[in-house]
Structures are given as structure tokens and as C-alpha cells.
């Protein structure tokens, strides 16, 4: 039980560090965010089993649905920004530009 939670915490931390440190391209930021969401999904799915509970929690399905919607929206935004700005670099995206 402790090793499972430790591995999930390490995977979550690696995903967040990747999101913080590798912010050059929009796709790498989306992949790190997807890794964080999948780590949360695995953690919430394993939570009733780690507590030796037999009840089924619907929260993992909601999280997985949210993660799929987030991924599709992120890819659509990446395609739109690469078409308008010509690149997927995050530094090229500025809210003050028109």
C-alpha cells in the first residue's frame, strides 16, 4: 500500500516538474498535463482497493471523461494556434497580441 502511494506521488511530481520545466512547446505541456491527469485517475481508481472497500466510486469515470475532453480541447487549441501563429512555441503566444 505504501509503495503504491509512493509511486503515484512520484509520478504526479514528475508530471508537474515536466509541466514546469519543459514549457517550450505546447505539445510537451499537454503531454505532461495528460500524465498528471492519468496519475490522478490511477490513484482515485486504486483508492477503494487500498482501503479494502468493496464499494464502487463513480469519480474515476468522471475524471477519465474530463481528461479526454481536456486532451481534445488542448489538441484543437494547438492546431488553431499553430495555424494562426505559425508555431507551437509557448513563448510566441501572448495575450496582448491581436
C-alpha atoms as a PDB file:
ATOM      1  CA  UNK A   1       0.000   0.000   0.000  1.00  0.00           C
ATOM      2  CA  UNK A   2       2.748   2.443   0.882  1.00  0.00           C
ATOM      3  CA  UNK A   3       4.785   1.589  -2.215  1.00  0.00           C
ATOM      4  CA  UNK A   4       1.758   2.131  -4.455  1.00  0.00           C
ATOM      5  CA  UNK A   5       1.064   5.533  -2.970  1.00  0.00           C
ATOM      6  CA  UNK A   6       4.755   6.430  -3.154  1.00  0.00           C
ATOM      7  CA  UNK A   7       4.913   5.535  -6.842  1.00  0.00           C
ATOM      8  CA  UNK A   8       1.775   7.558  -7.556  1.00  0.00           C
ATOM      9  CA  UNK A   9       3.203  10.569  -5.705  1.00  0.00           C
ATOM     10  CA  UNK A  10       6.480  10.273  -7.613  1.00  0.00           C
ATOM     11  CA  UNK A  11       4.643  10.008 -10.960  1.00  0.00           C
ATOM     12  CA  UNK A  12       2.498  13.032 -10.092  1.00  0.00           C
ATOM     13  CA  UNK A  13       5.579  15.039  -9.078  1.00  0.00           C
ATOM     14  CA  UNK A  14       7.430  14.090 -12.269  1.00  0.00           C
ATOM     15  CA  UNK A  15       4.430  15.200 -14.324  1.00  0.00           C
ATOM     16  CA  UNK A  16       4.270  18.537 -12.528  1.00  0.00           C
ATOM     17  CA  UNK A  17       8.021  19.073 -12.843  1.00  0.00           C
ATOM     18  CA  UNK A  18       7.788  18.314 -16.539  1.00  0.00           C
ATOM     19  CA  UNK A  19       4.970  20.830 -16.855  1.00  0.00           C
ATOM     20  CA  UNK A  20       7.020  23.471 -15.050  1.00  0.00           C
ATOM     21  CA  UNK A  21      10.388  22.859 -16.705  1.00  0.00           C
ATOM     22  CA  UNK A  22       9.575  21.861 -20.294  1.00  0.00           C
ATOM     23  CA  UNK A  23       7.385  24.713 -21.408  1.00  0.00           C
ATOM     24  CA  UNK A  24       8.982  25.231 -24.785  1.00  0.00           C
ATOM     25  CA  UNK A  25       6.369  23.564 -26.953  1.00  0.00           C
ATOM     26  CA  UNK A  26       2.633  23.419 -26.437  1.00  0.00           C
ATOM     27  CA  UNK A  27       2.523  19.675 -27.143  1.00  0.00           C
ATOM     28  CA  UNK A  28       5.043  18.848 -24.395  1.00  0.00           C
ATOM     29  CA  UNK A  29       2.984  20.858 -21.902  1.00  0.00           C
ATOM     30  CA  UNK A  30      -0.145  18.973 -22.963  1.00  0.00           C
ATOM     31  CA  UNK A  31       1.603  15.616 -22.582  1.00  0.00           C
ATOM     32  CA  UNK A  32       2.787  16.490 -19.071  1.00  0.00           C
ATOM     33  CA  UNK A  33      -0.706  17.618 -18.149  1.00  0.00           C
ATOM     34  CA  UNK A  34      -2.116  14.358 -19.512  1.00  0.00           C
ATOM     35  CA  UNK A  35       0.389  12.408 -17.414  1.00  0.00           C
ATOM     36  CA  UNK A  36      -0.747  14.258 -14.308  1.00  0.00           C
ATOM     37  CA  UNK A  37      -4.388  13.521 -15.105  1.00  0.00           C
ATOM     38  CA  UNK A  38      -3.697   9.820 -15.702  1.00  0.00           C
ATOM     39  CA  UNK A  39      -1.795   9.602 -12.429  1.00  0.00           C
ATOM     40  CA  UNK A  40      -4.785  11.118 -10.645  1.00  0.00           C
ATOM     41  CA  UNK A  41      -7.071   8.650 -12.433  1.00  0.00           C
ATOM     42  CA  UNK A  42      -4.980   5.657 -11.341  1.00  0.00           C
ATOM     43  CA  UNK A  43      -4.788   6.981  -7.787  1.00  0.00           C
ATOM     44  CA  UNK A  44      -8.517   7.568  -7.478  1.00  0.00           C
ATOM     45  CA  UNK A  45      -9.262   4.188  -9.091  1.00  0.00           C
ATOM     46  CA  UNK A  46      -6.945   2.350  -6.692  1.00  0.00           C
ATOM     47  CA  UNK A  47      -8.144   4.240  -3.625  1.00  0.00           C
ATOM     48  CA  UNK A  48     -11.130   1.969  -2.711  1.00  0.00           C
ATOM     49  CA  UNK A  49      -8.950  -1.113  -3.173  1.00  0.00           C
ATOM     50  CA  UNK A  50      -6.223   0.266  -0.943  1.00  0.00           C
ATOM     51  CA  UNK A  51      -8.761   0.979   1.786  1.00  0.00           C
ATOM     52  CA  UNK A  52     -10.191  -2.554   1.423  1.00  0.00           C
ATOM     53  CA  UNK A  53     -13.576  -1.219   0.472  1.00  0.00           C
ATOM     54  CA  UNK A  54     -15.906  -3.043  -1.887  1.00  0.00           C
ATOM     55  CA  UNK A  55     -17.951  -0.030  -2.960  1.00  0.00           C
ATOM     56  CA  UNK A  56     -17.646   1.363  -6.467  1.00  0.00           C
ATOM     57  CA  UNK A  57     -16.904   5.054  -6.750  1.00  0.00           C
ATOM     58  CA  UNK A  58     -18.065   6.824  -9.958  1.00  0.00           C
ATOM     59  CA  UNK A  59     -15.429   9.555  -9.595  1.00  0.00           C
ATOM     60  CA  UNK A  60     -12.768   7.802 -11.771  1.00  0.00           C
ATOM     61  CA  UNK A  61     -15.149   7.713 -14.751  1.00  0.00           C
ATOM     62  CA  UNK A  62     -15.860  11.429 -14.395  1.00  0.00           C
ATOM     63  CA  UNK A  63     -12.129  12.137 -14.194  1.00  0.00           C
ATOM     64  CA  UNK A  64     -11.401   9.997 -17.240  1.00  0.00           C
ATOM     65  CA  UNK A  65     -14.147  11.775 -19.197  1.00  0.00           C
ATOM     66  CA  UNK A  66     -12.778  15.149 -18.129  1.00  0.00           C
ATOM     67  CA  UNK A  67      -9.276  14.062 -19.150  1.00  0.00           C
ATOM     68  CA  UNK A  68     -10.451  13.015 -22.613  1.00  0.00           C
ATOM     69  CA  UNK A  69     -12.271  16.328 -23.092  1.00  0.00           C
ATOM     70  CA  UNK A  70      -9.196  18.226 -21.894  1.00  0.00           C
ATOM     71  CA  UNK A  71      -6.963  16.364 -24.347  1.00  0.00           C
ATOM     72  CA  UNK A  72      -9.241  17.000 -27.317  1.00  0.00           C
ATOM     73  CA  UNK A  73      -9.637  20.676 -26.420  1.00  0.00           C
ATOM     74  CA  UNK A  74      -5.875  21.055 -25.984  1.00  0.00           C
ATOM     75  CA  UNK A  75      -5.140  19.477 -29.359  1.00  0.00           C
ATOM     76  CA  UNK A  76      -7.743  21.684 -31.025  1.00  0.00           C
ATOM     77  CA  UNK A  77      -6.140  24.751 -29.422  1.00  0.00           C
ATOM     78  CA  UNK A  78      -2.701  23.597 -30.544  1.00  0.00           C
ATOM     79  CA  UNK A  79      -3.879  23.246 -34.146  1.00  0.00           C
ATOM     80  CA  UNK A  80      -5.574  26.652 -34.034  1.00  0.00           C
ATOM     81  CA  UNK A  81      -2.511  28.406 -32.605  1.00  0.00           C
ATOM     82  CA  UNK A  82      -0.120  26.725 -34.999  1.00  0.00           C
ATOM     83  CA  UNK A  83      -2.294  27.851 -37.905  1.00  0.00           C
ATOM     84  CA  UNK A  84      -2.599  31.447 -36.716  1.00  0.00           C
ATOM     85  CA  UNK A  85       0.882  31.986 -35.244  1.00  0.00           C
ATOM     86  CA  UNK A  86       2.818  29.554 -37.414  1.00  0.00           C
ATOM     87  CA  UNK A  87       4.486  27.828 -34.444  1.00  0.00           C
ATOM     88  CA  UNK A  88       3.610  25.885 -31.320  1.00  0.00           C
ATOM     89  CA  UNK A  89       6.116  27.603 -29.042  1.00  0.00           C
ATOM     90  CA  UNK A  90       4.508  28.823 -25.856  1.00  0.00           C
ATOM     91  CA  UNK A  91       6.641  31.966 -25.809  1.00  0.00           C
ATOM     92  CA  UNK A  92       5.080  33.038 -29.108  1.00  0.00           C
ATOM     93  CA  UNK A  93       1.649  33.081 -27.512  1.00  0.00           C
ATOM     94  CA  UNK A  94       0.973  36.469 -25.987  1.00  0.00           C
ATOM     95  CA  UNK A  95      -2.406  37.672 -24.802  1.00  0.00           C
ATOM     96  CA  UNK A  96      -1.558  41.259 -25.761  1.00  0.00           C
ATOM     97  CA  UNK A  97      -1.084  40.430 -29.451  1.00  0.00           C
ATOM     98  CA  UNK A  98      -4.058  40.699 -31.771  1.00  0.00           C
END
